Every structure is written in structure tokens, then in C-alpha cells.
Amino acid sequence: MAPPQSLTVAELSSQEGISTATLNNWRTAARKRGAVLPSNSATPDKWSSEEKFRIVLETAPMTVAKLSEHCRKHGLYPEQIEAWKTACIGANSQAEEQSKRSR
């Protein structure tokens, strides 16, 4: 289920002969340990906001070289992470504006 293969639960279940319930339990346990595993989609652009945010936080302190290595390992592109970072910052800016307006 993890990048770079990023198989869905159904795909992995069919491929490996493991029940979807077992795979879902394993994924839940891995997430509790901090692993980034997509919920509904194998493609990173369709991951949930929480999953994208977790990647942004995980990669924030990395150098360019480490980020590139991380992206290759996980089947991502630095541009995707940068876009997700920009979206996170934009979301916080909008929330701040709304808060000011409501005061």
C-alpha cells in the first residue's frame, strides 16, 4: 500500500490473497505508528488533506538532496510536496482572514 507501489487495499488483497479486513487493520496500525499510507486512492494527488499535510511536515526539515531521495523512495515528486505545502499555507491564511472578519 505504501509508495512507490501505492496499491489500493483491494488491489493488494487480490494480488497477495490477504483479506481486505486484515489489510485495513494493518494499515490502521501502521498509521498509528506514523506511516503515511493513502486511504482511498493509490495516486498521491488524490490522497486526503491529512495525508498530504503529514508528508509536508515529514519533509519540511529535509535538504534538497534528502527530499529528492525521499521522493524517489516514496514515488513522489518534489513539486507535489511544494504544491501541498503552498495549499497548507494558503488554507491557514484563509482561516486567519475569516477569523479577522468575524471579529
C-alpha atoms as a PDB file:
ATOM      1  CA  MET A   1       0.000   0.000   0.000  1.00  0.00           C
ATOM      2  CA  ALA A   2       2.927   2.306   0.592  1.00  0.00           C
ATOM      3  CA  PRO A   3       4.605   4.333  -2.113  1.00  0.00           C
ATOM      4  CA  PRO A   4       6.089   3.828  -4.631  1.00  0.00           C
ATOM      5  CA  GLN A   5       3.786   0.888  -5.429  1.00  0.00           C
ATOM      6  CA  SER A   6       0.802   2.608  -3.779  1.00  0.00           C
ATOM      7  CA  LEU A   7      -1.616  -0.239  -4.326  1.00  0.00           C
ATOM      8  CA  THR A   8      -5.158   0.087  -3.061  1.00  0.00           C
ATOM      9  CA  VAL A   9      -6.364  -2.343  -0.398  1.00  0.00           C
ATOM     10  CA  ALA A  10      -8.474  -4.169  -2.994  1.00  0.00           C
ATOM     11  CA  GLU A  11      -5.546  -4.477  -5.429  1.00  0.00           C
ATOM     12  CA  LEU A  12      -3.180  -5.747  -2.746  1.00  0.00           C
ATOM     13  CA  SER A  13      -5.790  -8.164  -1.412  1.00  0.00           C
ATOM     14  CA  SER A  14      -6.307  -9.641  -4.862  1.00  0.00           C
ATOM     15  CA  GLN A  15      -2.587  -9.785  -5.617  1.00  0.00           C
ATOM     16  CA  GLU A  16      -1.454 -11.316  -2.316  1.00  0.00           C
ATOM     17  CA  GLY A  17      -4.543 -13.274  -1.234  1.00  0.00           C
ATOM     18  CA  ILE A  18      -4.842 -11.391   2.073  1.00  0.00           C
ATOM     19  CA  SER A  19      -8.289 -10.341   3.239  1.00  0.00           C
ATOM     20  CA  THR A  20      -9.192  -6.670   2.951  1.00  0.00           C
ATOM     21  CA  ALA A  21     -10.116  -6.631   6.661  1.00  0.00           C
ATOM     22  CA  THR A  22      -6.599  -7.765   7.600  1.00  0.00           C
ATOM     23  CA  LEU A  23      -5.006  -5.209   5.290  1.00  0.00           C
ATOM     24  CA  ASN A  24      -7.193  -2.434   6.706  1.00  0.00           C
ATOM     25  CA  ASN A  25      -6.182  -3.427  10.260  1.00  0.00           C
ATOM     26  CA  TRP A  26      -2.511  -3.417   9.276  1.00  0.00           C
ATOM     27  CA  ARG A  27      -2.872  -0.021   7.606  1.00  0.00           C
ATOM     28  CA  THR A  28      -4.571   1.433  10.708  1.00  0.00           C
ATOM     29  CA  ALA A  29      -1.800   0.089  12.953  1.00  0.00           C
ATOM     30  CA  ALA A  30       0.893   1.482  10.633  1.00  0.00           C
ATOM     31  CA  ARG A  31      -0.764   4.910  10.618  1.00  0.00           C
ATOM     32  CA  LYS A  32      -0.781   4.933  14.420  1.00  0.00           C
ATOM     33  CA  ARG A  33       2.979   4.438  14.225  1.00  0.00           C
ATOM     34  CA  GLY A  34       3.211   7.469  11.880  1.00  0.00           C
ATOM     35  CA  ALA A  35       3.408   5.753   8.490  1.00  0.00           C
ATOM     36  CA  VAL A  36       1.885   7.600   5.558  1.00  0.00           C
ATOM     37  CA  LEU A  37      -0.447   5.248   3.751  1.00  0.00           C
ATOM     38  CA  PRO A  38      -3.122   6.520   1.384  1.00  0.00           C
ATOM     39  CA  SER A  39      -6.707   5.910   2.376  1.00  0.00           C
ATOM     40  CA  ASN A  40      -8.797   5.715  -0.780  1.00  0.00           C
ATOM     41  CA  SER A  41      -6.518   6.172  -3.721  1.00  0.00           C
ATOM     42  CA  ALA A  42      -3.222   4.850  -4.935  1.00  0.00           C
ATOM     43  CA  THR A  43      -2.301   8.143  -6.602  1.00  0.00           C
ATOM     44  CA  PRO A  44      -0.736  10.760  -4.299  1.00  0.00           C
ATOM     45  CA  ASP A  45      -2.705  13.653  -5.821  1.00  0.00           C
ATOM     46  CA  LYS A  46      -5.901  12.002  -4.576  1.00  0.00           C
ATOM     47  CA  TRP A  47      -4.662  11.453  -1.006  1.00  0.00           C
ATOM     48  CA  SER A  48      -6.572  13.135   1.804  1.00  0.00           C
ATOM     49  CA  SER A  49      -5.519  16.551   3.081  1.00  0.00           C
ATOM     50  CA  GLU A  50      -4.296  14.945   6.292  1.00  0.00           C
ATOM     51  CA  GLU A  51      -2.039  12.538   4.394  1.00  0.00           C
ATOM     52  CA  LYS A  52      -0.595  15.331   2.267  1.00  0.00           C
ATOM     53  CA  PHE A  53      -0.062  17.505   5.353  1.00  0.00           C
ATOM     54  CA  ARG A  54       1.752  14.656   7.086  1.00  0.00           C
ATOM     55  CA  ILE A  55       4.157  14.407   4.118  1.00  0.00           C
ATOM     56  CA  VAL A  56       4.698  18.194   4.170  1.00  0.00           C
ATOM     57  CA  LEU A  57       5.592  18.042   7.878  1.00  0.00           C
ATOM     58  CA  GLU A  58       7.799  14.996   7.425  1.00  0.00           C
ATOM     59  CA  THR A  59       9.803  16.580   4.609  1.00  0.00           C
ATOM     60  CA  ALA A  60       9.979  20.184   5.878  1.00  0.00           C
ATOM     61  CA  PRO A  61      13.373  19.895   7.605  1.00  0.00           C
ATOM     62  CA  MET A  62      14.994  17.970   4.731  1.00  0.00           C
ATOM     63  CA  THR A  63      17.721  19.320   2.496  1.00  0.00           C
ATOM     64  CA  VAL A  64      17.086  19.320  -1.255  1.00  0.00           C
ATOM     65  CA  ALA A  65      19.171  16.148  -1.625  1.00  0.00           C
ATOM     66  CA  LYS A  66      17.315  14.340   1.189  1.00  0.00           C
ATOM     67  CA  LEU A  67      13.966  15.498  -0.190  1.00  0.00           C
ATOM     68  CA  SER A  68      14.834  14.147  -3.634  1.00  0.00           C
ATOM     69  CA  GLU A  69      15.895  10.834  -2.108  1.00  0.00           C
ATOM     70  CA  HIS A  70      12.683  10.680  -0.062  1.00  0.00           C
ATOM     71  CA  CYS A  71      10.581  11.415  -3.147  1.00  0.00           C
ATOM     72  CA  ARG A  72      12.281   8.692  -5.190  1.00  0.00           C
ATOM     73  CA  LYS A  73      11.791   6.189  -2.373  1.00  0.00           C
ATOM     74  CA  HIS A  74       8.100   7.026  -1.979  1.00  0.00           C
ATOM     75  CA  GLY A  75       7.105   7.598  -5.597  1.00  0.00           C
ATOM     76  CA  LEU A  76       6.536  11.328  -5.186  1.00  0.00           C
ATOM     77  CA  TYR A  77       7.812  14.469  -6.874  1.00  0.00           C
ATOM     78  CA  PRO A  78       9.269  17.468  -5.025  1.00  0.00           C
ATOM     79  CA  GLU A  79       6.835  19.654  -6.982  1.00  0.00           C
ATOM     80  CA  GLN A  80       3.885  17.749  -5.491  1.00  0.00           C
ATOM     81  CA  ILE A  81       5.135  18.329  -1.973  1.00  0.00           C
ATOM     82  CA  GLU A  82       5.760  22.014  -2.694  1.00  0.00           C
ATOM     83  CA  ALA A  83       2.212  22.378  -4.056  1.00  0.00           C
ATOM     84  CA  TRP A  84       0.804  20.667  -0.963  1.00  0.00           C
ATOM     85  CA  LYS A  85       2.884  22.976   1.254  1.00  0.00           C
ATOM     86  CA  THR A  86       1.556  26.030  -0.592  1.00  0.00           C
ATOM     87  CA  ALA A  87      -2.006  24.743  -0.184  1.00  0.00           C
ATOM     88  CA  CYS A  88      -1.476  24.269   3.560  1.00  0.00           C
ATOM     89  CA  ILE A  89      -0.125  27.795   3.938  1.00  0.00           C
ATOM     90  CA  GLY A  90      -2.992  29.163   1.851  1.00  0.00           C
ATOM     91  CA  ALA A  91      -5.549  27.344   3.963  1.00  0.00           C
ATOM     92  CA  ASN A  92      -4.146  28.902   7.117  1.00  0.00           C
ATOM     93  CA  SER A  93      -4.161  32.355   5.529  1.00  0.00           C
ATOM     94  CA  GLN A  94      -7.820  31.975   4.606  1.00  0.00           C
ATOM     95  CA  ALA A  95      -8.702  30.826   8.118  1.00  0.00           C
ATOM     96  CA  GLU A  96      -6.905  33.849   9.584  1.00  0.00           C
ATOM     97  CA  GLU A  97      -8.777  36.221   7.247  1.00  0.00           C
ATOM     98  CA  GLN A  98     -12.117  34.677   8.165  1.00  0.00           C
ATOM     99  CA  SER A  99     -11.276  34.996  11.846  1.00  0.00           C
ATOM    100  CA  LYS A 100     -10.480  38.689  11.429  1.00  0.00           C
ATOM    101  CA  ARG A 101     -13.732  39.292   9.547  1.00  0.00           C
ATOM    102  CA  SER A 102     -15.844  37.586  12.188  1.00  0.00           C
ATOM    103  CA  ARG A 103     -14.301  39.724  14.954  1.00  0.00           C
END
